Amino acid sequence: MRAKITYIVTAAVLVFYFVLVGSRGLMLIRHGTLVTITFGVAVLILPVIGVWFLWKNTQFVRRANTLAAELDAEGGLPVDELVRTPSGRIDRDSADAVFTKRREETEDAPDDWRTWFRLAVAYQDARDTPRARKAMQRAIALHRSSPSGV
């Protein structure tokens, strides 16, 4: 729940920022000189890119949460079997062992979104966020293309 609240607050702050920057861009355009119009258009591009990025990330999170809920209902969420240090951080060797197991499961069933979801979790536990995101995107794509997918 804490992560959801943090995401909502961050998104709200970003939207406020986009509105503020967009209004400044419009002010520059209204000024009417070649230089201010050029700067105004350039400034307006930033909120457009930001809104697109925020929208794509929000869609990604919603779809990943949908998969997590479905997997939880099936009883297929990965069990936390990781060894942790006294400070609570995941032990690297433990994360690597679980990752190897998840990778083998995915190699055995490459068309199952469930194995890709669990692989994404293993990548995240191993602190490999780019690969975790790609694995989750693959899980989402497989889920959407499956007959029971939404």
Protein backbone atom coordinates (compact mmCIF):
# COMPACT_ATOMS: atom_id res chain seq x y z
CA MET A 1 0.00 0.00 0.00
CA ARG A 2 2.88 2.34 0.77
CA ALA A 3 4.25 1.94 -2.76
CA LYS A 4 0.83 2.75 -4.24
CA ILE A 5 0.53 5.93 -2.17
CA THR A 6 4.05 6.96 -3.11
CA TYR A 7 3.28 6.37 -6.80
CA ILE A 8 0.06 8.40 -6.63
CA VAL A 9 1.75 11.30 -4.84
CA THR A 10 4.66 11.27 -7.29
CA ALA A 11 2.28 11.17 -10.26
CA ALA A 12 0.26 14.08 -8.82
CA VAL A 13 3.40 16.15 -8.33
CA LEU A 14 4.49 15.37 -11.89
CA VAL A 15 1.10 16.37 -13.30
CA PHE A 16 1.28 19.65 -11.36
CA TYR A 17 4.78 20.20 -12.76
CA PHE A 18 3.58 19.44 -16.31
CA VAL A 19 0.75 21.96 -15.97
CA LEU A 20 3.14 24.58 -14.59
CA VAL A 21 5.70 24.05 -17.35
CA GLY A 22 2.97 23.94 -20.00
CA SER A 23 1.56 27.26 -18.82
CA ARG A 24 5.04 28.80 -19.04
CA GLY A 25 5.39 27.46 -22.57
CA LEU A 26 2.06 29.00 -23.55
CA MET A 27 3.11 32.32 -22.00
CA LEU A 28 6.26 32.30 -24.10
CA ILE A 29 4.26 31.54 -27.25
CA ARG A 30 1.76 34.33 -26.48
CA HIS A 31 4.63 36.81 -26.21
CA GLY A 32 4.86 36.55 -29.99
CA THR A 33 8.51 36.98 -30.96
CA LEU A 34 10.36 34.35 -32.95
CA VAL A 35 12.67 33.52 -30.06
CA THR A 36 9.91 33.23 -27.43
CA ILE A 37 7.68 31.17 -29.73
CA THR A 38 10.59 28.80 -30.42
CA PHE A 39 11.35 28.48 -26.70
CA GLY A 40 7.65 28.12 -25.92
CA VAL A 41 7.25 25.21 -28.33
CA ALA A 42 10.41 23.61 -26.94
CA VAL A 43 9.09 24.01 -23.39
CA LEU A 44 5.72 22.49 -24.37
CA ILE A 45 7.44 19.37 -25.69
CA LEU A 46 8.71 18.48 -22.20
CA PRO A 47 5.27 18.05 -20.57
CA VAL A 48 4.01 16.10 -23.59
CA ILE A 49 6.90 13.64 -23.26
CA GLY A 50 6.40 13.52 -19.48
CA VAL A 51 2.67 12.81 -19.74
CA TRP A 52 3.33 10.05 -22.28
CA PHE A 53 6.00 8.51 -20.05
CA LEU A 54 3.77 8.69 -16.97
CA TRP A 55 0.85 7.14 -18.90
CA LYS A 56 2.98 4.25 -20.22
CA ASN A 57 4.39 3.54 -16.76
CA THR A 58 0.95 3.67 -15.17
CA GLN A 59 -0.35 1.19 -17.76
CA PHE A 60 2.63 -1.08 -17.10
CA VAL A 61 2.06 -1.04 -13.35
CA ARG A 62 -1.68 -1.68 -13.71
CA ARG A 63 -1.10 -4.62 -16.05
CA ALA A 64 1.62 -6.09 -13.82
CA ASN A 65 -0.69 -5.78 -10.80
CA THR A 66 -3.46 -7.52 -12.75
CA LEU A 67 -1.11 -10.41 -13.47
CA ALA A 68 -0.03 -10.52 -9.83
CA ALA A 69 -3.65 -10.66 -8.67
CA GLU A 70 -4.47 -13.43 -11.13
CA LEU A 71 -1.40 -15.40 -10.16
CA ASP A 72 -2.23 -14.90 -6.48
CA ALA A 73 -5.76 -16.21 -7.06
CA GLU A 74 -4.24 -19.31 -8.68
CA GLY A 75 -1.83 -19.73 -5.78
CA GLY A 76 1.13 -19.30 -8.12
CA LEU A 77 2.90 -16.25 -6.72
CA PRO A 78 6.56 -16.96 -6.03
CA VAL A 79 7.28 -17.80 -2.41
CA ASP A 80 9.89 -15.60 -0.75
CA GLU A 81 12.65 -18.13 -0.17
CA LEU A 82 15.48 -15.62 -0.13
CA VAL A 83 18.12 -15.41 2.56
CA ARG A 84 18.49 -11.91 3.96
CA THR A 85 21.32 -10.14 5.71
CA PRO A 86 20.78 -8.87 9.26
CA SER A 87 19.94 -5.45 7.79
CA GLY A 88 17.18 -7.01 5.67
CA ARG A 89 18.89 -6.86 2.28
CA ILE A 90 18.62 -9.86 0.00
CA ASP A 91 21.72 -12.05 -0.02
CA ARG A 92 23.21 -11.98 -3.52
CA ASP A 93 24.01 -15.72 -3.63
CA SER A 94 20.47 -16.54 -2.55
CA ALA A 95 19.01 -14.26 -5.23
CA ASP A 96 21.27 -15.87 -7.85
CA ALA A 97 20.13 -19.37 -6.84
CA VAL A 98 16.45 -18.44 -7.05
CA PHE A 99 17.10 -16.65 -10.34
CA THR A 100 18.71 -19.77 -11.82
CA LYS A 101 15.67 -21.82 -10.80
CA ARG A 102 13.25 -19.28 -12.32
CA ARG A 103 15.28 -19.05 -15.53
CA GLU A 104 15.16 -22.83 -15.93
CA GLU A 105 11.37 -22.80 -15.37
CA THR A 106 11.03 -20.13 -18.06
CA GLU A 107 13.21 -22.09 -20.48
CA ASP A 108 11.01 -25.15 -19.92
CA ALA A 109 7.78 -23.18 -20.56
CA PRO A 110 8.70 -20.12 -22.66
CA ASP A 111 5.09 -19.41 -23.69
CA ASP A 112 3.68 -19.31 -20.15
CA TRP A 113 3.23 -15.79 -18.80
CA ARG A 114 3.37 -17.17 -15.24
CA THR A 115 7.00 -18.28 -15.59
CA TRP A 116 7.94 -14.91 -17.10
CA PHE A 117 6.22 -13.13 -14.20
CA ARG A 118 8.18 -15.19 -11.66
CA LEU A 119 11.38 -14.58 -13.66
CA ALA A 120 10.70 -10.83 -13.52
CA VAL A 121 10.39 -11.05 -9.73
CA ALA A 122 13.67 -12.98 -9.58
CA TYR A 123 15.40 -10.34 -11.73
CA GLN A 124 14.09 -7.62 -9.42
CA ASP A 125 15.31 -9.51 -6.36
CA ALA A 126 18.72 -9.76 -8.02
CA ARG A 127 18.59 -5.95 -8.51
CA ASP A 128 18.50 -6.17 -12.29
CA THR A 129 15.64 -3.75 -12.93
CA PRO A 130 16.00 -3.39 -16.73
CA ARG A 131 15.77 -7.16 -17.25
CA ALA A 132 12.99 -7.41 -14.67
CA ARG A 133 11.00 -4.86 -16.64
CA LYS A 134 11.60 -6.66 -19.95
CA ALA A 135 10.58 -10.00 -18.42
CA MET A 136 7.41 -8.42 -17.01
CA GLN A 137 6.63 -6.86 -20.39
CA ARG A 138 6.99 -10.32 -21.92
CA ALA A 139 4.64 -11.76 -19.28
CA ILE A 140 2.10 -9.03 -20.02
CA ALA A 141 2.33 -9.63 -23.78
CA LEU A 142 1.92 -13.40 -23.34
CA HIS A 143 -1.04 -12.89 -21.01
CA ARG A 144 -2.75 -10.54 -23.44
CA SER A 145 -2.25 -12.98 -26.34
CA SER A 146 -3.47 -16.02 -24.41
CA PRO A 147 -7.08 -17.14 -24.92
CA SER A 148 -7.95 -16.36 -21.29
CA GLY A 149 -5.96 -13.05 -21.33
CA VAL A 150 -7.76 -9.72 -21.14
